[in-house]
Amino acid sequence: MITKTKLGNFDLIIVERENIIIELMNYGATIYSLKTPDKNGIFEDIVLQYENPEDYLNNSIYLNSTTGPIAGRIKNGILEVNNEIYRLNKNDHGNTLHSGDLALSFKTFDFDYNEGIDYDEVNFFYQEKQLIDYGLVVSYKIYDSKVEIEYQAKPKKDFIFSLTNHGYFNLSGNLKSDIKNHLVKLNTNLRHDIDDFLVNNNRIIQEEGVYNFTNKKRIGSTIFELEEDPKMGVDDIFFYPQNSLDSPMAIVEEEISGRRMKVYSTMDHLVFYTHNNVNNLGLKHLDGHKKHYALCFEAQKAPYGFSDNRTQKIIIEKNQVFKEKIIFEFI
């Protein structure tokens, strides 16, 4: 069942399936709320949510939003595409994060929706003319046990595209606990070397230590090991050279609630982030805003400036189509 309502100045589309209730907001094509049942069948929120809806206008952590057109960091805000130089505004220690003022997280989308038997679908539409001319469709397909997000963009000149969803997940339900007891497994141990400002250094590290998640482990142990690190947790880019929808990029579970989630994508990189940085905007179910209350699994293309013959291309040529998927499966 799909219903539409107003949330202040935003439109909210609510989709209810057997095991998923999701609310999508037209501002930023954002996941506003996502509820799944625990092992006792009780539906609870499993994503962070601002207490005040108007705070999404100041969403400095890109909470659950469509992020792009270029997710990640661009050193010094300077982008070169086929000998054309673009200078983006610097919003992160002299670099550009998540496309700066081009960020889709702060754009209002048109939308439509369709009810179906196997799945319901909500489509968001945006036309960008600020720097380059491209049309974008963000489609959410909601099944009984998964949310599939598909991105399609068609530029009128060559440009870089690497879109993601910046979902902040906490499987305890209604933020009953932080994420330290969540168990995480990643299907790679290849991690980008990054500088002090989290910009990639064009080098891949084969991890065997604290950043190796190829065997399931409790994320609290990693956060503890990194408590003296400037990042205060994990905020790293992992590389999946052979990635496909046949294998999950990440698996996470929370034992008390019994919830498990698998993350799939057609893209070959994943930013794994443990909610180390917070703003002063209050969260629902939580007194204020505290760090380490969510896990982010941001599937995307290679970071700008990375060169490796195993990676997918990041430049989409004029009138060609960027078409990629991210799937969150709840089991």
Protein backbone atom coordinates (compact mmCIF):
# COMPACT_ATOMS: atom_id res chain seq x y z
CA MET A 1 0.00 0.00 0.00
CA ILE A 2 1.25 3.49 -0.88
CA THR A 3 0.03 6.73 0.65
CA LYS A 4 1.19 10.33 0.33
CA THR A 5 1.20 13.04 2.97
CA LYS A 6 2.83 16.37 3.78
CA LEU A 7 5.69 16.74 6.25
CA GLY A 8 6.00 20.48 6.72
CA ASN A 9 7.19 21.75 3.34
CA PHE A 10 8.16 18.26 2.17
CA ASP A 11 6.21 15.51 0.47
CA LEU A 12 6.33 12.10 2.13
CA ILE A 13 5.52 8.85 0.33
CA ILE A 14 4.76 5.92 2.66
CA VAL A 15 5.07 2.35 1.39
CA GLU A 16 3.85 -0.55 3.52
CA ARG A 17 4.80 -4.12 2.65
CA GLU A 18 4.64 -7.31 4.69
CA ASN A 19 8.03 -6.86 6.37
CA ILE A 20 8.98 -3.28 5.47
CA ILE A 21 7.45 0.12 6.14
CA ILE A 22 9.42 2.88 4.45
CA GLU A 23 8.81 6.61 4.24
CA LEU A 24 10.53 8.49 1.43
CA MET A 25 10.92 12.25 1.25
CA ASN A 26 11.10 14.26 -1.96
CA TYR A 27 13.81 16.52 -0.51
CA GLY A 28 17.05 14.78 -1.38
CA ALA A 29 15.14 11.65 -2.48
CA THR A 30 15.75 10.68 1.14
CA ILE A 31 14.81 7.67 3.26
CA TYR A 32 12.96 9.45 6.07
CA SER A 33 12.00 6.32 8.00
CA LEU A 34 12.53 2.59 7.60
CA LYS A 35 10.93 0.02 9.87
CA THR A 36 11.44 -3.75 9.87
CA PRO A 37 10.34 -6.42 12.37
CA ASP A 38 12.62 -7.87 15.02
CA LYS A 39 12.68 -11.58 15.87
CA ASN A 40 9.36 -11.15 17.73
CA GLY A 41 7.67 -9.40 14.81
CA ILE A 42 7.81 -5.92 16.34
CA PHE A 43 8.33 -3.15 13.78
CA GLU A 44 10.87 -0.50 14.79
CA ASP A 45 12.96 2.22 13.16
CA ILE A 46 16.32 0.95 11.86
CA VAL A 47 17.63 4.24 10.42
CA LEU A 48 18.49 7.49 12.13
CA GLN A 49 15.92 10.26 11.77
CA TYR A 50 16.00 13.93 12.71
CA GLU A 51 13.52 14.84 15.41
CA ASN A 52 12.61 18.05 13.57
CA PRO A 53 11.81 17.54 9.85
CA GLU A 54 13.08 21.04 8.99
CA ASP A 55 16.56 19.94 10.07
CA TYR A 56 16.91 18.08 6.76
CA LEU A 57 17.50 21.52 5.24
CA ASN A 58 20.74 21.63 7.28
CA ASN A 59 21.63 17.97 6.81
CA SER A 60 25.39 18.25 7.26
CA ILE A 61 25.79 14.47 7.69
CA TYR A 62 23.75 13.71 4.52
CA LEU A 63 21.38 11.60 6.62
CA ASN A 64 19.79 8.82 4.48
CA SER A 65 19.87 11.04 1.38
CA THR A 66 20.70 10.50 -2.27
CA THR A 67 24.34 11.55 -2.41
CA GLY A 68 26.07 12.74 -5.56
CA PRO A 69 26.42 13.28 -8.42
CA ILE A 70 29.92 12.55 -7.14
CA ALA A 71 29.95 10.86 -3.74
CA GLY A 72 33.11 11.20 -1.69
CA ARG A 73 35.91 13.76 -1.59
CA ILE A 74 37.58 15.74 -4.37
CA LYS A 75 40.96 17.13 -3.42
CA ASN A 76 41.09 20.94 -3.46
CA GLY A 77 37.67 20.96 -5.14
CA ILE A 78 39.29 20.68 -8.57
CA LEU A 79 37.80 18.23 -11.04
CA GLU A 80 39.14 17.52 -14.53
CA VAL A 81 37.00 15.73 -17.09
CA ASN A 82 38.47 15.25 -20.56
CA ASN A 83 40.70 18.33 -20.27
CA GLU A 84 37.90 20.55 -18.93
CA ILE A 85 38.49 21.94 -15.44
CA TYR A 86 35.68 22.34 -12.89
CA ARG A 87 36.15 24.18 -9.60
CA LEU A 88 33.68 23.06 -6.97
CA ASN A 89 33.04 24.83 -3.70
CA LYS A 90 35.17 23.56 -0.82
CA ASN A 91 33.12 22.34 2.12
CA ASP A 92 35.46 19.91 3.90
CA HIS A 93 38.94 21.00 5.06
CA GLY A 94 39.73 22.66 1.74
CA ASN A 95 38.28 19.78 -0.28
CA THR A 96 34.86 19.10 -1.78
CA LEU A 97 32.67 16.51 -0.04
CA HIS A 98 29.70 14.85 -1.77
CA SER A 99 29.66 17.37 -4.65
CA GLY A 100 29.60 20.57 -2.58
CA ASP A 101 26.79 22.91 -3.64
CA LEU A 102 25.84 20.52 -6.45
CA ALA A 103 24.81 17.98 -3.80
CA LEU A 104 21.60 16.15 -4.61
CA SER A 105 20.98 15.78 -0.87
CA PHE A 106 19.72 19.38 -0.89
CA LYS A 107 17.60 19.33 -4.04
CA THR A 108 13.82 18.96 -4.29
CA PHE A 109 12.73 16.12 -6.57
CA ASP A 110 9.53 15.55 -8.52
CA PHE A 111 8.08 12.07 -8.05
CA ASP A 112 5.50 9.48 -8.96
CA TYR A 113 4.69 6.02 -7.60
CA ASN A 114 3.11 2.74 -8.59
CA GLU A 115 1.67 -0.09 -6.51
CA GLY A 116 2.43 -3.64 -7.57
CA ILE A 117 2.08 -7.22 -6.45
CA ASP A 118 5.72 -8.23 -6.14
CA TYR A 119 6.95 -4.75 -5.25
CA ASP A 120 5.90 -1.11 -4.99
CA GLU A 121 7.88 1.60 -6.74
CA VAL A 122 8.59 5.27 -6.01
CA ASN A 123 10.43 7.29 -8.68
CA PHE A 124 12.15 10.62 -8.04
CA PHE A 125 13.10 12.95 -10.90
CA TYR A 126 15.58 15.80 -11.03
CA GLN A 127 16.96 17.96 -13.84
CA GLU A 128 20.37 19.53 -13.14
CA LYS A 129 21.45 22.66 -15.03
CA GLN A 130 23.69 24.35 -12.47
CA LEU A 131 27.03 23.13 -13.83
CA ILE A 132 26.21 20.51 -16.43
CA ASP A 133 22.92 19.46 -17.97
CA TYR A 134 21.70 16.02 -16.94
CA GLY A 135 18.48 14.30 -16.00
CA LEU A 136 18.35 11.92 -13.05
CA VAL A 137 15.87 9.25 -11.98
CA VAL A 138 16.17 7.64 -8.54
CA SER A 139 13.86 4.63 -8.31
CA TYR A 140 13.06 2.88 -5.05
CA LYS A 141 11.58 -0.60 -5.48
CA ILE A 142 10.25 -1.92 -2.18
CA TYR A 143 9.80 -5.68 -1.87
CA ASP A 144 8.66 -7.64 1.18
CA SER A 145 12.23 -8.10 2.39
CA LYS A 146 14.42 -5.65 0.48
CA VAL A 147 14.77 -2.11 -0.82
CA GLU A 148 16.32 -1.76 -4.27
CA ILE A 149 17.56 1.66 -5.38
CA GLU A 150 18.36 2.29 -9.04
CA TYR A 151 20.03 5.43 -10.38
CA GLN A 152 19.83 6.56 -13.99
CA ALA A 153 21.51 9.73 -15.25
CA LYS A 154 22.07 10.95 -18.78
CA PRO A 155 24.42 13.94 -19.19
CA LYS A 156 24.60 16.24 -22.20
CA LYS A 157 28.37 16.49 -21.79
CA ASP A 158 31.00 14.14 -20.38
CA PHE A 159 30.99 14.12 -16.58
CA ILE A 160 31.76 11.96 -13.56
CA PHE A 161 28.94 10.10 -11.81
CA SER A 162 29.16 8.13 -8.58
CA LEU A 163 25.85 8.21 -6.73
CA THR A 164 25.02 6.48 -3.47
CA ASN A 165 22.51 6.41 -0.64
CA HIS A 166 23.93 7.66 2.65
CA GLY A 167 21.77 5.42 4.83
CA TYR A 168 22.51 5.43 8.58
CA PHE A 169 21.49 2.00 9.93
CA ASN A 170 21.04 0.77 13.48
CA LEU A 171 19.45 -2.68 13.66
CA SER A 172 18.77 -2.58 17.42
CA GLY A 173 15.45 -0.87 16.66
CA ASN A 174 14.42 2.61 17.83
CA LEU A 175 18.08 3.28 18.76
CA LYS A 176 17.86 1.10 21.86
CA SER A 177 21.64 0.80 21.79
CA ASP A 178 24.64 2.11 19.90
CA ILE A 179 26.25 0.07 17.12
CA LYS A 180 29.12 -1.45 19.11
CA ASN A 181 27.47 -4.87 19.38
CA HIS A 182 26.63 -5.04 15.67
CA LEU A 183 28.48 -7.79 13.81
CA VAL A 184 29.94 -6.82 10.43
CA LYS A 185 31.41 -8.81 7.57
CA LEU A 186 32.80 -7.30 4.35
CA ASN A 187 33.50 -9.33 1.24
CA THR A 188 36.91 -7.72 0.64
CA ASN A 189 40.04 -6.75 2.52
CA LEU A 190 41.21 -4.20 -0.05
CA ARG A 191 41.14 -0.71 1.43
CA HIS A 192 42.18 2.64 0.00
CA ASP A 193 45.08 4.42 1.62
CA ILE A 194 43.76 7.87 2.58
CA ASP A 195 45.38 11.04 3.84
CA ASP A 196 44.59 12.94 7.04
CA PHE A 197 41.60 14.58 5.32
CA LEU A 198 40.22 11.21 4.05
CA VAL A 199 41.21 11.83 0.42
CA ASN A 200 42.51 8.75 -1.40
CA ASN A 201 46.26 8.48 -2.07
CA ASN A 202 45.89 6.26 -5.15
CA ARG A 203 47.14 3.19 -3.31
CA ILE A 204 45.35 0.02 -2.20
CA ILE A 205 46.21 -1.74 1.05
CA GLN A 206 45.53 -5.44 1.56
CA GLU A 207 44.32 -5.36 5.15
CA GLU A 208 45.10 -8.05 7.71
CA GLY A 209 44.53 -6.08 10.90
CA VAL A 210 41.98 -3.69 12.38
CA TYR A 211 40.38 -2.91 9.00
CA ASN A 212 40.01 -6.53 7.92
CA PHE A 213 36.33 -7.49 8.13
CA THR A 214 36.44 -10.60 5.93
CA ASN A 215 35.58 -12.61 9.03
CA LYS A 216 32.53 -11.42 10.94
CA LYS A 217 33.46 -9.32 13.94
CA ARG A 218 31.90 -7.02 16.49
CA ILE A 219 32.36 -3.41 15.40
CA GLY A 220 32.88 -2.20 18.97
CA SER A 221 36.28 -3.90 19.06
CA THR A 222 37.37 -1.94 15.98
CA ILE A 223 36.05 1.35 17.37
CA PHE A 224 37.98 0.68 20.58
CA GLU A 225 41.20 0.07 18.64
CA LEU A 226 40.66 3.32 16.73
CA GLU A 227 39.65 5.53 19.65
CA GLU A 228 42.95 7.45 19.45
CA ASP A 229 42.75 7.70 15.65
CA PRO A 230 41.66 11.15 14.35
CA LYS A 231 38.72 9.48 12.57
CA MET A 232 37.45 8.05 15.91
CA GLY A 233 36.20 4.97 14.08
CA VAL A 234 35.90 3.59 10.58
CA ASP A 235 35.51 6.02 7.67
CA ASP A 236 37.16 4.12 4.85
CA ILE A 237 36.82 3.16 1.20
CA PHE A 238 36.90 -0.54 0.33
CA PHE A 239 37.52 -1.91 -3.16
CA TYR A 240 35.65 -4.90 -4.68
CA PRO A 241 37.34 -5.66 -8.03
CA GLN A 242 35.07 -8.61 -8.85
CA ASN A 243 31.84 -7.24 -7.41
CA SER A 244 28.41 -8.27 -8.74
CA LEU A 245 24.84 -8.58 -7.48
CA ASP A 246 25.50 -12.28 -6.91
CA SER A 247 27.43 -11.62 -3.71
CA PRO A 248 26.83 -9.17 -0.85
CA MET A 249 29.37 -6.44 -0.28
CA ALA A 250 28.51 -6.33 3.42
CA ILE A 251 26.53 -8.33 5.98
CA VAL A 252 25.55 -6.85 9.33
CA GLU A 253 23.55 -8.32 12.21
CA GLU A 254 22.35 -7.36 15.65
CA GLU A 255 21.88 -10.40 17.88
CA ILE A 256 19.39 -9.05 20.43
CA SER A 257 16.84 -7.89 17.84
CA GLY A 258 17.64 -10.76 15.49
CA ARG A 259 17.82 -8.37 12.53
CA ARG A 260 20.27 -9.00 9.67
CA MET A 261 20.98 -6.92 6.60
CA LYS A 262 22.88 -7.61 3.39
CA VAL A 263 24.16 -4.86 1.08
CA TYR A 264 24.54 -5.46 -2.66
CA SER A 265 25.48 -3.17 -5.51
CA THR A 266 26.50 -3.12 -9.16
CA MET A 267 29.25 -0.64 -8.21
CA ASP A 268 32.71 -1.71 -7.09
CA HIS A 269 33.49 0.44 -4.04
CA LEU A 270 31.97 0.74 -0.59
CA VAL A 271 32.51 3.43 2.02
CA PHE A 272 32.07 1.90 5.46
CA TYR A 273 31.45 4.53 8.13
CA THR A 274 30.65 4.24 11.83
CA HIS A 275 28.92 7.60 12.49
CA ASN A 276 32.00 9.20 14.03
CA ASN A 277 30.99 12.82 13.39
CA VAL A 278 27.76 14.34 14.63
CA ASN A 279 26.00 17.67 14.37
CA ASN A 280 23.86 19.46 16.94
CA LEU A 281 20.53 18.36 15.42
CA GLY A 282 18.44 16.10 17.62
CA LEU A 283 17.56 12.55 16.61
CA LYS A 284 14.30 10.70 17.17
CA HIS A 285 14.57 8.05 19.92
CA LEU A 286 17.78 9.62 21.22
CA ASP A 287 18.53 12.40 23.65
CA GLY A 288 20.43 14.78 21.43
CA HIS A 289 22.85 13.43 18.83
CA LYS A 290 25.59 10.98 19.84
CA LYS A 291 28.31 9.34 17.79
CA HIS A 292 28.51 5.62 16.95
CA TYR A 293 24.74 5.14 16.73
CA ALA A 294 24.71 4.04 13.09
CA LEU A 295 26.57 2.17 10.38
CA CYS A 296 26.76 3.46 6.81
CA PHE A 297 27.45 1.26 3.79
CA GLU A 298 27.78 3.66 0.85
CA ALA A 299 28.18 1.68 -2.38
CA GLN A 300 29.66 3.86 -5.11
CA LYS A 301 32.23 4.12 -7.90
CA ALA A 302 35.98 4.59 -7.38
CA PRO A 303 37.05 7.82 -5.68
CA TYR A 304 38.09 10.59 -8.02
CA GLY A 305 41.80 10.40 -8.79
CA PHE A 306 42.12 6.64 -8.31
CA SER A 307 43.76 4.77 -11.17
CA ASP A 308 43.52 0.98 -11.47
CA ASN A 309 42.71 -1.09 -14.54
CA ARG A 310 40.30 -3.25 -12.52
CA THR A 311 37.89 -0.42 -11.72
CA GLN A 312 34.66 0.50 -13.44
CA LYS A 313 34.78 3.73 -15.42
CA ILE A 314 33.60 6.84 -13.61
CA ILE A 315 33.26 9.19 -16.59
CA ILE A 316 29.90 8.94 -18.32
CA GLU A 317 30.14 10.23 -21.87
CA LYS A 318 27.74 12.69 -23.45
CA ASN A 319 24.26 11.17 -23.99
CA GLN A 320 25.35 7.86 -22.45
CA VAL A 321 23.52 6.52 -19.36
CA PHE A 322 24.82 6.02 -15.84
CA LYS A 323 22.73 3.11 -14.52
CA GLU A 324 23.59 1.42 -11.21
CA LYS A 325 21.84 -0.29 -8.30
CA ILE A 326 22.12 -0.60 -4.52
CA ILE A 327 20.11 -3.23 -2.63
CA PHE A 328 19.46 -3.44 1.13
CA GLU A 329 18.09 -6.88 1.96
CA PHE A 330 16.63 -7.64 5.40
CA ILE A 331 16.67 -11.29 6.50
